[in-house]
PDB file of N, CA and C in Angstrom:
ATOM      1  N   MET A   1       7.884 -34.999  13.455  1.00  0.00           N
ATOM      2  CA  MET A   1       7.380 -34.619  12.482  1.00  0.00           C
ATOM      3  C   MET A   1       7.829 -33.073  11.927  1.00  0.00           C
ATOM      4  N   ALA A   2       9.254 -32.748  12.871  1.00  0.00           N
ATOM      5  CA  ALA A   2       9.601 -31.349  12.859  1.00  0.00           C
ATOM      6  C   ALA A   2       9.306 -30.711  11.080  1.00  0.00           C
ATOM      7  N   SER A   3       9.426 -31.209  10.030  1.00  0.00           N
ATOM      8  CA  SER A   3       9.739 -30.654   8.768  1.00  0.00           C
ATOM      9  C   SER A   3       8.343 -30.341   8.727  1.00  0.00           C
ATOM     10  N   ALA A   4       6.997 -31.439   8.661  1.00  0.00           N
ATOM     11  CA  ALA A   4       5.834 -31.096   8.277  1.00  0.00           C
ATOM     12  C   ALA A   4       5.285 -30.154   8.976  1.00  0.00           C
ATOM     13  N   ASP A   5       5.761 -30.002  10.387  1.00  0.00           N
ATOM     14  CA  ASP A   5       5.348 -28.563  10.654  1.00  0.00           C
ATOM     15  C   ASP A   5       5.954 -27.567  10.701  1.00  0.00           C
ATOM     16  N   ALA A   6       6.994 -27.420  10.102  1.00  0.00           N
ATOM     17  CA  ALA A   6       7.734 -25.879   9.597  1.00  0.00           C
ATOM     18  C   ALA A   6       7.203 -25.701   8.519  1.00  0.00           C
ATOM     19  N   LEU A   7       7.300 -27.083   7.793  1.00  0.00           N
ATOM     20  CA  LEU A   7       6.491 -27.148   6.330  1.00  0.00           C
ATOM     21  C   LEU A   7       4.887 -26.086   6.519  1.00  0.00           C
ATOM     22  N   GLY A   8       4.389 -26.223   7.456  1.00  0.00           N
ATOM     23  CA  GLY A   8       2.793 -25.662   7.631  1.00  0.00           C
ATOM     24  C   GLY A   8       3.130 -24.403   7.964  1.00  0.00           C
ATOM     25  N   ARG A   9       4.431 -24.133   8.663  1.00  0.00           N
ATOM     26  CA  ARG A   9       4.374 -22.527   9.281  1.00  0.00           C
ATOM     27  C   ARG A   9       4.853 -21.698   8.299  1.00  0.00           C
ATOM     28  N   ILE A  10       5.303 -22.764   7.374  1.00  0.00           N
ATOM     29  CA  ILE A  10       6.374 -21.702   6.114  1.00  0.00           C
ATOM     30  C   ILE A  10       5.136 -21.224   5.377  1.00  0.00           C
ATOM     31  N   ARG A  11       3.997 -22.445   5.336  1.00  0.00           N
ATOM     32  CA  ARG A  11       3.014 -21.715   4.563  1.00  0.00           C
ATOM     33  C   ARG A  11       1.788 -20.960   5.170  1.00  0.00           C
ATOM     34  N   LYS A  12       1.415 -21.210   6.597  1.00  0.00           N
ATOM     35  CA  LYS A  12       0.858 -20.182   6.903  1.00  0.00           C
ATOM     36  C   LYS A  12       1.728 -18.396   6.858  1.00  0.00           C
ATOM     37  N   SER A  13       2.787 -18.282   6.536  1.00  0.00           N
ATOM     38  CA  SER A  13       3.774 -17.786   7.181  1.00  0.00           C
ATOM     39  C   SER A  13       2.958 -16.646   5.334  1.00  0.00           C
ATOM     40  N   VAL A  14       3.532 -17.357   4.706  1.00  0.00           N
ATOM     41  CA  VAL A  14       3.462 -17.045   2.623  1.00  0.00           C
ATOM     42  C   VAL A  14       1.846 -16.352   2.932  1.00  0.00           C
ATOM     43  N   GLU A  15       1.013 -17.470   3.488  1.00  0.00           N
ATOM     44  CA  GLU A  15      -0.528 -16.844   2.854  1.00  0.00           C
ATOM     45  C   GLU A  15      -1.121 -15.719   3.282  1.00  0.00           C
ATOM     46  N   SER A  16      -0.241 -15.149   4.390  1.00  0.00           N
ATOM     47  CA  SER A  16      -0.244 -13.649   5.129  1.00  0.00           C
ATOM     48  C   SER A  16       0.082 -12.808   3.883  1.00  0.00           C
ATOM     49  N   TYR A  17       0.663 -13.216   2.773  1.00  0.00           N
ATOM     50  CA  TYR A  17       1.025 -11.941   1.840  1.00  0.00           C
ATOM     51  C   TYR A  17       0.579 -11.601   0.641  1.00  0.00           C
ATOM     52  N   VAL A  18      -0.400 -12.988   0.091  1.00  0.00           N
ATOM     53  CA  VAL A  18      -0.968 -12.794  -0.586  1.00  0.00           C
ATOM     54  C   VAL A  18      -1.547 -11.725  -1.448  1.00  0.00           C
ATOM     55  N   GLY A  19      -1.135 -11.583  -2.795  1.00  0.00           N
ATOM     56  CA  GLY A  19      -1.285 -10.065  -3.515  1.00  0.00           C
ATOM     57  C   GLY A  19      -0.571  -9.328  -3.733  1.00  0.00           C
ATOM     58  N   LYS A  20      -0.013  -9.493  -2.450  1.00  0.00           N
ATOM     59  CA  LYS A  20       1.834  -8.187  -2.074  1.00  0.00           C
ATOM     60  C   LYS A  20       2.540  -8.281  -2.868  1.00  0.00           C
ATOM     61  N   THR A  21       3.495  -7.207  -3.163  1.00  0.00           N
ATOM     62  CA  THR A  21       5.135  -7.827  -4.221  1.00  0.00           C
ATOM     63  C   THR A  21       5.777  -7.955  -3.411  1.00  0.00           C
ATOM     64  N   VAL A  22       6.336  -9.425  -3.783  1.00  0.00           N
ATOM     65  CA  VAL A  22       7.932 -10.121  -3.163  1.00  0.00           C
ATOM     66  C   VAL A  22       9.011  -9.669  -3.950  1.00  0.00           C
ATOM     67  N   ARG A  23      10.227  -9.666  -3.462  1.00  0.00           N
ATOM     68  CA  ARG A  23      11.231 -10.213  -4.516  1.00  0.00           C
ATOM     69  C   ARG A  23      11.562 -11.546  -4.731  1.00  0.00           C
ATOM     70  N   LEU A  24      12.030 -12.444  -5.583  1.00  0.00           N
ATOM     71  CA  LEU A  24      12.114 -13.749  -5.260  1.00  0.00           C
ATOM     72  C   LEU A  24      13.667 -13.888  -5.624  1.00  0.00           C
ATOM     73  N   LYS A  25      14.735 -14.555  -4.968  1.00  0.00           N
ATOM     74  CA  LYS A  25      15.933 -15.035  -5.388  1.00  0.00           C
ATOM     75  C   LYS A  25      15.803 -16.321  -5.288  1.00  0.00           C
ATOM     76  N   ALA A  26      15.933 -17.203  -6.873  1.00  0.00           N
ATOM     77  CA  ALA A  26      15.563 -18.390  -7.119  1.00  0.00           C
ATOM     78  C   ALA A  26      17.215 -18.973  -7.380  1.00  0.00           C
ATOM     79  N   ASN A  27      18.155 -20.023  -6.376  1.00  0.00           N
ATOM     80  CA  ASN A  27      19.232 -20.265  -6.741  1.00  0.00           C
ATOM     81  C   ASN A  27      19.564 -21.838  -7.738  1.00  0.00           C
ATOM     82  N   ARG A  28      19.481 -21.661  -9.093  1.00  0.00           N
ATOM     83  CA  ARG A  28      19.675 -22.357 -10.910  1.00  0.00           C
ATOM     84  C   ARG A  28      20.704 -22.999 -10.501  1.00  0.00           C
ATOM     85  N   GLY A  29      21.617 -23.465  -9.557  1.00  0.00           N
ATOM     86  CA  GLY A  29      22.124 -24.377  -9.865  1.00  0.00           C
ATOM     87  C   GLY A  29      23.957 -23.723 -10.409  1.00  0.00           C
ATOM     88  N   ARG A  30      25.272 -23.963 -10.465  1.00  0.00           N
ATOM     89  CA  ARG A  30      26.006 -23.822 -10.860  1.00  0.00           C
ATOM     90  C   ARG A  30      26.508 -22.218 -10.701  1.00  0.00           C
ATOM     91  N   LYS A  31      26.204 -21.509  -9.464  1.00  0.00           N
ATOM     92  CA  LYS A  31      26.506 -19.894  -9.608  1.00  0.00           C
ATOM     93  C   LYS A  31      25.845 -19.052 -10.233  1.00  0.00           C
ATOM     94  N   LYS A  32      24.348 -19.876 -10.198  1.00  0.00           N
ATOM     95  CA  LYS A  32      23.407 -19.001 -11.432  1.00  0.00           C
ATOM     96  C   LYS A  32      22.032 -18.485 -10.215  1.00  0.00           C
ATOM     97  N   THR A  33      22.057 -17.357 -10.597  1.00  0.00           N
ATOM     98  CA  THR A  33      20.601 -17.411  -9.319  1.00  0.00           C
ATOM     99  C   THR A  33      19.822 -16.660 -10.261  1.00  0.00           C
ATOM    100  N   PHE A  34      18.372 -17.042 -10.040  1.00  0.00           N
ATOM    101  CA  PHE A  34      16.865 -15.472 -10.990  1.00  0.00           C
ATOM    102  C   PHE A  34      16.542 -14.897  -9.608  1.00  0.00           C
ATOM    103  N   GLU A  35      17.037 -13.551  -9.924  1.00  0.00           N
ATOM    104  CA  GLU A  35      16.147 -12.480  -9.108  1.00  0.00           C
ATOM    105  C   GLU A  35      15.064 -11.652  -9.952  1.00  0.00           C
ATOM    106  N   LYS A  36      13.910 -11.897  -9.391  1.00  0.00           N
ATOM    107  CA  LYS A  36      12.541 -10.977  -9.987  1.00  0.00           C
ATOM    108  C   LYS A  36      11.959 -10.565  -8.896  1.00  0.00           C
ATOM    109  N   GLU A  37      10.964  -9.077  -9.518  1.00  0.00           N
ATOM    110  CA  GLU A  37      10.155  -9.126  -8.581  1.00  0.00           C
ATOM    111  C   GLU A  37       8.466  -9.350  -9.136  1.00  0.00           C
ATOM    112  N   GLY A  38       7.302  -9.713  -7.917  1.00  0.00           N
ATOM    113  CA  GLY A  38       6.284 -10.158  -8.862  1.00  0.00           C
ATOM    114  C   GLY A  38       5.094  -9.417  -7.610  1.00  0.00           C
ATOM    115  N   ILE A  39       4.318 -10.592  -7.509  1.00  0.00           N
ATOM    116  CA  ILE A  39       3.263 -10.487  -6.922  1.00  0.00           C
ATOM    117  C   ILE A  39       2.955 -12.030  -6.502  1.00  0.00           C
ATOM    118  N   LEU A  40       2.778 -11.916  -4.765  1.00  0.00           N
ATOM    119  CA  LEU A  40       2.850 -13.622  -4.698  1.00  0.00           C
ATOM    120  C   LEU A  40       0.872 -13.767  -4.497  1.00  0.00           C
ATOM    121  N   GLU A  41       0.683 -14.806  -5.770  1.00  0.00           N
ATOM    122  CA  GLU A  41      -0.524 -14.597  -6.758  1.00  0.00           C
ATOM    123  C   GLU A  41      -1.613 -15.756  -6.028  1.00  0.00           C
ATOM    124  N   LYS A  42      -1.009 -16.658  -5.599  1.00  0.00           N
ATOM    125  CA  LYS A  42      -2.018 -18.023  -4.622  1.00  0.00           C
ATOM    126  C   LYS A  42      -1.210 -18.604  -3.876  1.00  0.00           C
ATOM    127  N   VAL A  43      -1.668 -19.551  -3.294  1.00  0.00           N
ATOM    128  CA  VAL A  43      -0.961 -20.180  -2.357  1.00  0.00           C
ATOM    129  C   VAL A  43      -1.884 -21.756  -2.398  1.00  0.00           C
ATOM    130  N   TYR A  44      -1.576 -22.567  -2.207  1.00  0.00           N
ATOM    131  CA  TYR A  44      -1.826 -23.828  -2.531  1.00  0.00           C
ATOM    132  C   TYR A  44      -1.280 -24.879  -1.430  1.00  0.00           C
ATOM    133  N   PRO A  45      -1.659 -26.178  -1.191  1.00  0.00           N
ATOM    134  CA  PRO A  45      -1.496 -26.857   0.609  1.00  0.00           C
ATOM    135  C   PRO A  45       0.249 -26.956  -0.341  1.00  0.00           C
ATOM    136  N   ASN A  46       0.498 -27.451  -1.570  1.00  0.00           N
ATOM    137  CA  ASN A  46       2.353 -27.736  -1.597  1.00  0.00           C
ATOM    138  C   ASN A  46       2.649 -26.568  -2.351  1.00  0.00           C
ATOM    139  N   ILE A  47       2.747 -25.659  -3.166  1.00  0.00           N
ATOM    140  CA  ILE A  47       3.394 -24.630  -3.944  1.00  0.00           C
ATOM    141  C   ILE A  47       2.928 -23.692  -3.668  1.00  0.00           C
ATOM    142  N   PHE A  48       3.072 -22.388  -3.882  1.00  0.00           N
ATOM    143  CA  PHE A  48       2.986 -21.124  -4.529  1.00  0.00           C
ATOM    144  C   PHE A  48       3.480 -20.458  -5.524  1.00  0.00           C
ATOM    145  N   VAL A  49       2.708 -19.310  -5.559  1.00  0.00           N
ATOM    146  CA  VAL A  49       2.694 -18.991  -7.027  1.00  0.00           C
ATOM    147  C   VAL A  49       3.201 -17.534  -6.996  1.00  0.00           C
ATOM    148  N   VAL A  50       3.991 -16.804  -8.235  1.00  0.00           N
ATOM    149  CA  VAL A  50       4.762 -15.562  -7.807  1.00  0.00           C
ATOM    150  C   VAL A  50       4.012 -15.027  -9.465  1.00  0.00           C
ATOM    151  N   LYS A  51       3.619 -14.289  -9.728  1.00  0.00           N
ATOM    152  CA  LYS A  51       3.406 -13.179 -11.026  1.00  0.00           C
ATOM    153  C   LYS A  51       4.352 -12.493 -10.816  1.00  0.00           C
ATOM    154  N   VAL A  52       5.129 -12.443 -11.987  1.00  0.00           N
ATOM    155  CA  VAL A  52       6.270 -11.977 -12.713  1.00  0.00           C
ATOM    156  C   VAL A  52       5.726 -11.332 -14.052  1.00  0.00           C
ATOM    157  N   THR A  53       5.930  -9.884 -13.602  1.00  0.00           N
ATOM    158  CA  THR A  53       5.644  -9.499 -15.757  1.00  0.00           C
ATOM    159  C   THR A  53       6.599  -9.152 -16.079  1.00  0.00           C
ATOM    160  N   GLU A  54       7.210  -9.098 -16.824  1.00  0.00           N
ATOM    161  CA  GLU A  54       8.818  -9.078 -17.637  1.00  0.00           C
ATOM    162  C   GLU A  54       8.692  -7.980 -18.700  1.00  0.00           C
ATOM    163  N   SER A  55       7.283  -7.679 -19.311  1.00  0.00           N
ATOM    164  CA  SER A  55       6.866  -6.210 -20.086  1.00  0.00           C
ATOM    165  C   SER A  55       5.490  -6.639 -20.216  1.00  0.00           C
ATOM    166  N   PRO A  56       4.761  -5.365 -20.424  1.00  0.00           N
ATOM    167  CA  PRO A  56       3.388  -5.268 -20.809  1.00  0.00           C
ATOM    168  C   PRO A  56       2.630  -6.360 -21.247  1.00  0.00           C
ATOM    169  N   ASP A  57       3.306  -6.971 -22.308  1.00  0.00           N
ATOM    170  CA  ASP A  57       2.689  -8.315 -22.940  1.00  0.00           C
ATOM    171  C   ASP A  57       3.337  -9.931 -22.306  1.00  0.00           C
ATOM    172  N   PHE A  58       4.239  -9.542 -21.963  1.00  0.00           N
ATOM    173  CA  PHE A  58       4.732 -10.763 -21.149  1.00  0.00           C
ATOM    174  C   PHE A  58       4.640 -10.836 -20.047  1.00  0.00           C
ATOM    175  N   VAL A  59       3.707 -11.659 -19.126  1.00  0.00           N
ATOM    176  CA  VAL A  59       3.387 -12.503 -18.263  1.00  0.00           C
ATOM    177  C   VAL A  59       3.751 -13.688 -18.115  1.00  0.00           C
ATOM    178  N   ARG A  60       4.737 -13.798 -16.765  1.00  0.00           N
ATOM    179  CA  ARG A  60       5.025 -15.479 -15.953  1.00  0.00           C
ATOM    180  C   ARG A  60       4.622 -15.690 -15.096  1.00  0.00           C
ATOM    181  N   ARG A  61       4.053 -16.764 -14.508  1.00  0.00           N
ATOM    182  CA  ARG A  61       3.761 -17.456 -13.563  1.00  0.00           C
ATOM    183  C   ARG A  61       4.767 -18.365 -12.819  1.00  0.00           C
ATOM    184  N   ILE A  62       5.708 -18.402 -11.690  1.00  0.00           N
ATOM    185  CA  ILE A  62       6.643 -19.228 -11.401  1.00  0.00           C
ATOM    186  C   ILE A  62       6.023 -19.786 -10.222  1.00  0.00           C
ATOM    187  N   SER A  63       6.028 -21.161 -10.149  1.00  0.00           N
ATOM    188  CA  SER A  63       5.791 -22.123  -8.610  1.00  0.00           C
ATOM    189  C   SER A  63       6.725 -22.649  -8.061  1.00  0.00           C
ATOM    190  N   TYR A  64       6.826 -22.124  -6.634  1.00  0.00           N
ATOM    191  CA  TYR A  64       7.976 -23.316  -5.679  1.00  0.00           C
ATOM    192  C   TYR A  64       7.215 -24.034  -4.623  1.00  0.00           C
ATOM    193  N   SER A  65       7.800 -25.150  -4.256  1.00  0.00           N
ATOM    194  CA  SER A  65       7.164 -25.462  -3.129  1.00  0.00           C
ATOM    195  C   SER A  65       7.640 -24.863  -1.751  1.00  0.00           C
ATOM    196  N   TYR A  66       6.908 -24.886  -0.782  1.00  0.00           N
ATOM    197  CA  TYR A  66       7.605 -24.728   0.438  1.00  0.00           C
ATOM    198  C   TYR A  66       8.767 -25.411   1.195  1.00  0.00           C
ATOM    199  N   SER A  67       8.827 -26.446   0.736  1.00  0.00           N
ATOM    200  CA  SER A  67      10.595 -27.423   0.806  1.00  0.00           C
ATOM    201  C   SER A  67      11.841 -25.861   0.273  1.00  0.00           C
ATOM    202  N   ASP A  68      11.340 -25.428  -0.724  1.00  0.00           N
ATOM    203  CA  ASP A  68      12.634 -24.722  -1.858  1.00  0.00           C
ATOM    204  C   ASP A  68      12.880 -23.422  -0.328  1.00  0.00           C
ATOM    205  N   ILE A  69      11.719 -22.959   0.632  1.00  0.00           N
ATOM    206  CA  ILE A  69      12.205 -22.150   1.012  1.00  0.00           C
ATOM    207  C   ILE A  69      12.779 -22.698   2.315  1.00  0.00           C
ATOM    208  N   LEU A  70      12.786 -23.937   2.827  1.00  0.00           N
ATOM    209  CA  LEU A  70      12.976 -24.395   3.757  1.00  0.00           C
ATOM    210  C   LEU A  70      14.208 -24.835   3.801  1.00  0.00           C
ATOM    211  N   THR A  71      14.901 -25.280   2.510  1.00  0.00           N
ATOM    212  CA  THR A  71      15.968 -25.580   2.093  1.00  0.00           C
ATOM    213  C   THR A  71      16.741 -24.498   1.827  1.00  0.00           C
ATOM    214  N   GLU A  72      16.048 -23.302   2.068  1.00  0.00           N
ATOM    215  CA  GLU A  72      16.855 -21.950   1.312  1.00  0.00           C
ATOM    216  C   GLU A  72      17.228 -22.121  -0.246  1.00  0.00           C
ATOM    217  N   THR A  73      16.092 -22.904  -1.315  1.00  0.00           N
ATOM    218  CA  THR A  73      16.734 -22.432  -3.100  1.00  0.00           C
ATOM    219  C   THR A  73      16.261 -21.279  -2.725  1.00  0.00           C
ATOM    220  N   VAL A  74      15.037 -20.988  -2.423  1.00  0.00           N
ATOM    221  CA  VAL A  74      14.185 -19.697  -2.458  1.00  0.00           C
ATOM    222  C   VAL A  74      14.172 -19.057  -1.476  1.00  0.00           C
ATOM    223  N   GLU A  75      14.619 -17.446  -1.775  1.00  0.00           N
ATOM    224  CA  GLU A  75      14.279 -16.743  -0.500  1.00  0.00           C
ATOM    225  C   GLU A  75      13.132 -15.705  -1.363  1.00  0.00           C
ATOM    226  N   LEU A  76      12.661 -15.216  -0.602  1.00  0.00           N
ATOM    227  CA  LEU A  76      11.077 -14.492  -1.011  1.00  0.00           C
ATOM    228  C   LEU A  76      11.058 -13.281   0.039  1.00  0.00           C
ATOM    229  N   THR A  77      11.055 -12.490  -0.061  1.00  0.00           N
ATOM    230  CA  THR A  77      10.897 -10.943   0.154  1.00  0.00           C
ATOM    231  C   THR A  77      10.220 -10.377   0.149  1.00  0.00           C
ATOM    232  N   VAL A  78       9.409  -9.755   1.001  1.00  0.00           N
ATOM    233  CA  VAL A  78       8.082  -9.071   0.976  1.00  0.00           C
ATOM    234  C   VAL A  78       8.708  -7.518   0.705  1.00  0.00           C
ATOM    235  N   CYS A  79       8.055  -6.805   0.091  1.00  0.00           N
ATOM    236  CA  CYS A  79       8.700  -5.658  -0.520  1.00  0.00           C
ATOM    237  C   CYS A  79       7.326  -4.493   0.289  1.00  0.00           C
ATOM    238  N   SER A  80       8.185  -3.881   1.120  1.00  0.00           N
ATOM    239  CA  SER A  80       7.116  -3.073   2.154  1.00  0.00           C
ATOM    240  C   SER A  80       8.716  -2.224   2.821  1.00  0.00           C
ATOM    241  N   LYS A  81       8.264  -1.159   3.491  1.00  0.00           N
ATOM    242  CA  LYS A  81       9.211  -0.166   4.428  1.00  0.00           C
ATOM    243  C   LYS A  81       9.883  -1.183   4.813  1.00  0.00           C
ATOM    244  N   GLY A  82       9.480  -2.446   5.587  1.00  0.00           N
ATOM    245  CA  GLY A  82      10.321  -2.647   6.418  1.00  0.00           C
ATOM    246  C   GLY A  82      11.400  -4.226   5.434  1.00  0.00           C
ATOM    247  N   GLU A  83      10.794  -4.530   4.334  1.00  0.00           N
ATOM    248  CA  GLU A  83      11.442  -5.335   3.577  1.00  0.00           C
ATOM    249  C   GLU A  83      11.883  -6.594   4.165  1.00  0.00           C
ATOM    250  N   GLN A  84      10.497  -7.585   5.021  1.00  0.00           N
ATOM    251  CA  GLN A  84      10.950  -8.826   5.566  1.00  0.00           C
ATOM    252  C   GLN A  84      11.136 -10.055   5.251  1.00  0.00           C
ATOM    253  N   LYS A  85      12.409 -10.097   5.034  1.00  0.00           N
ATOM    254  CA  LYS A  85      12.669 -11.961   4.888  1.00  0.00           C
ATOM    255  C   LYS A  85      11.726 -12.672   4.964  1.00  0.00           C
ATOM    256  N   ILE A  86      10.826 -13.580   4.147  1.00  0.00           N
ATOM    257  CA  ILE A  86      10.032 -15.006   4.764  1.00  0.00           C
ATOM    258  C   ILE A  86      11.560 -16.091   4.896  1.00  0.00           C
ATOM    259  N   LYS A  87      11.437 -16.879   5.903  1.00  0.00           N
ATOM    260  CA  LYS A  87      12.571 -17.872   5.760  1.00  0.00           C
ATOM    261  C   LYS A  87      12.400 -18.667   7.135  1.00  0.00           C
ATOM    262  N   TYR A  88      12.750 -19.910   7.107  1.00  0.00           N
ATOM    263  CA  TYR A  88      11.644 -20.888   8.444  1.00  0.00           C
ATOM    264  C   TYR A  88      13.029 -20.745   9.393  1.00  0.00           C
ATOM    265  N   SER A  89      13.847 -19.694   9.201  1.00  0.00           N
ATOM    266  CA  SER A  89      14.755 -19.228  10.974  1.00  0.00           C
ATOM    267  C   SER A  89      13.572 -18.335  11.498  1.00  0.00           C
ATOM    268  N   SER A  90      12.824 -17.606  10.841  1.00  0.00           N
ATOM    269  CA  SER A  90      12.026 -16.138  11.088  1.00  0.00           C
ATOM    270  C   SER A  90      10.917 -16.535  11.622  1.00  0.00           C
ATOM    271  N   ILE A  91      10.690 -18.594  11.692  1.00  0.00           N
ATOM    272  CA  ILE A  91       9.172 -18.587  11.829  1.00  0.00           C
ATOM    273  C   ILE A  91       9.024 -19.084  12.859  1.00  0.00           C
TER     274      ILE A  91
END
């Protein structure tokens, strides 16, 4: 069960950054990417939620699964002095 173990390690890594500002880069298919900066709001057993404020009146919450990080569909980078990217190979 290597993949279940990998997903667990990714979840623990993501949990440690709850409340921090993250940069999100998601592959939308057909050469389309979605890049936003937001706050890692909540972590659940199968998904995590990022709160993105696009304007003062419009707040969007986006959820992704940990398998999205594993398959590199989503790149999650913690915005800090070191710009640490969360991905499977670093866990």
